[in-house]
Amino acid sequence: ARQRLSSASITTCVGSLSALRLRLAGACEFLELREPLEIVSLVGTISECGKGFHLHAAVSRADGSVVGGHIKGAATVATTAEVILAALPALTFSREVDETTGYLELVIRKAWGARWS
């Protein structure tokens, strides 16, 4: 069933991809992968009902080497991608410009009407 998640985190994922675009650590350019890939890690946050997300992945190639980084754009699932999300309805995630870094950073707030125990 479809749900509008204002905030969620990816707890685990297994599957395979045929295409992926990554930004590697410290790089400005992107690595375009169009080959059989196994997902060995996928982590990140989803905010504002899917409008915002910050995802990092590590994938293995046919030779067993692993590459990882920041996902940029769409990834093409080859056979399956079993993504487990943790919904966090008591929180609201958003992205706001950090004056110090100039980047959109994750801001976590208590959701309207949420009760804390």
Protein backbone atom coordinates (compact mmCIF):
# COMPACT_ATOMS: atom_id res chain seq x y z
CA ALA A 1 0.00 0.00 0.00
CA ARG A 2 1.16 3.54 -0.69
CA GLN A 3 1.74 5.80 2.27
CA ARG A 4 2.93 9.35 2.57
CA LEU A 5 5.95 9.09 4.84
CA SER A 6 7.11 12.47 6.10
CA SER A 7 10.26 10.85 7.44
CA ALA A 8 11.86 7.44 7.09
CA SER A 9 15.21 5.73 7.14
CA ILE A 10 16.43 2.77 5.12
CA THR A 11 17.30 -0.03 7.52
CA THR A 12 18.48 -2.61 4.98
CA CYS A 13 18.38 -3.50 1.30
CA VAL A 14 19.40 -6.49 -0.80
CA GLY A 15 19.10 -6.86 -4.53
CA SER A 16 20.76 -6.17 -7.84
CA LEU A 17 21.14 -3.23 -10.20
CA SER A 18 22.02 -2.81 -13.84
CA ALA A 19 22.75 0.93 -13.71
CA LEU A 20 23.79 3.38 -10.99
CA ARG A 21 25.26 6.87 -10.79
CA LEU A 22 27.51 7.62 -7.80
CA ARG A 23 29.48 10.59 -6.55
CA LEU A 24 32.60 9.24 -4.89
CA ALA A 25 34.15 10.73 -1.74
CA GLY A 26 35.71 14.12 -2.39
CA ALA A 27 34.88 14.01 -6.11
CA CYS A 28 32.97 16.55 -8.17
CA GLU A 29 32.34 14.24 -11.13
CA PHE A 30 30.10 11.18 -11.14
CA LEU A 31 30.84 7.52 -11.74
CA GLU A 32 28.34 5.99 -14.20
CA LEU A 33 27.98 2.23 -13.77
CA ARG A 34 26.13 0.19 -16.42
CA GLU A 35 26.89 -3.41 -15.54
CA PRO A 36 25.61 -6.20 -13.26
CA LEU A 37 25.84 -4.97 -9.65
CA GLU A 38 24.90 -6.54 -6.31
CA ILE A 39 23.69 -4.18 -3.58
CA VAL A 40 25.82 -4.85 -0.50
CA SER A 41 24.70 -1.75 1.40
CA LEU A 42 22.11 0.98 1.07
CA VAL A 43 21.60 3.57 3.80
CA GLY A 44 19.99 6.95 4.04
CA THR A 45 17.06 9.15 4.89
CA ILE A 46 13.85 10.00 3.06
CA SER A 47 12.13 13.27 3.87
CA GLU A 48 9.17 15.42 2.93
CA CYS A 49 7.09 12.54 1.54
CA GLY A 50 9.84 11.47 -0.84
CA LYS A 51 10.71 14.94 -2.13
CA GLY A 52 14.04 14.82 -0.34
CA PHE A 53 16.43 11.96 0.12
CA HIS A 54 20.06 11.34 0.94
CA LEU A 55 21.24 7.87 -0.02
CA HIS A 56 24.61 6.13 -0.04
CA ALA A 57 25.23 2.73 -1.60
CA ALA A 58 27.96 0.16 -1.84
CA VAL A 59 27.73 -2.29 -4.75
CA SER A 60 29.86 -5.22 -5.82
CA ARG A 61 30.93 -5.86 -9.39
CA ALA A 62 31.29 -9.19 -11.20
CA ASP A 63 34.99 -9.37 -10.22
CA GLY A 64 34.11 -8.93 -6.52
CA SER A 65 35.40 -5.40 -6.22
CA VAL A 66 33.21 -2.96 -4.32
CA VAL A 67 32.52 0.70 -5.04
CA GLY A 68 30.38 3.07 -3.03
CA GLY A 69 29.27 6.64 -2.72
CA HIS A 70 26.40 9.11 -2.82
CA ILE A 71 23.58 8.05 -5.15
CA LYS A 72 22.79 10.73 -7.69
CA GLY A 73 19.68 10.23 -9.79
CA ALA A 74 17.88 7.00 -10.57
CA ALA A 75 19.21 3.49 -10.14
CA THR A 76 17.94 0.69 -12.39
CA VAL A 77 16.90 -2.50 -10.59
CA ALA A 78 18.03 -5.63 -12.46
CA THR A 79 15.99 -8.38 -10.79
CA THR A 80 14.90 -7.23 -7.34
CA ALA A 81 15.53 -4.65 -4.64
CA GLU A 82 14.13 -5.55 -1.23
CA VAL A 83 14.18 -2.21 0.58
CA ILE A 84 13.14 -2.11 4.24
CA LEU A 85 12.02 1.30 5.47
CA ALA A 86 11.57 2.43 9.06
CA ALA A 87 8.74 4.95 9.18
CA LEU A 88 9.29 7.67 11.79
CA PRO A 89 5.86 9.34 12.13
CA ALA A 90 6.77 11.23 15.34
CA LEU A 91 9.46 13.11 13.41
CA THR A 92 9.57 15.39 10.41
CA PHE A 93 12.70 15.40 8.25
CA SER A 94 13.46 18.34 5.99
CA ARG A 95 16.47 19.70 4.15
CA GLU A 96 17.58 23.27 4.86
CA VAL A 97 20.61 25.26 3.78
CA ASP A 98 23.30 25.27 6.46
CA GLU A 99 24.80 28.77 6.65
CA THR A 100 28.23 27.36 7.53
CA THR A 101 28.57 24.71 4.80
CA GLY A 102 26.18 26.07 2.17
CA TYR A 103 24.75 22.56 1.73
CA LEU A 104 21.22 21.31 2.26
CA GLU A 105 21.45 19.48 5.57
CA LEU A 106 19.03 17.21 7.39
CA VAL A 107 16.85 18.97 9.98
CA ILE A 108 14.84 16.78 12.36
CA ARG A 109 11.80 18.15 14.17
CA LYS A 110 8.97 16.75 16.23
CA ALA A 111 5.97 16.10 13.95
CA TRP A 112 2.89 18.22 14.53
CA GLY A 113 0.64 16.47 17.06
CA ALA A 114 3.24 13.82 17.93
CA ARG A 115 3.40 12.76 21.54
CA TRP A 116 6.61 11.89 23.33
CA SER A 117 6.51 9.32 26.09
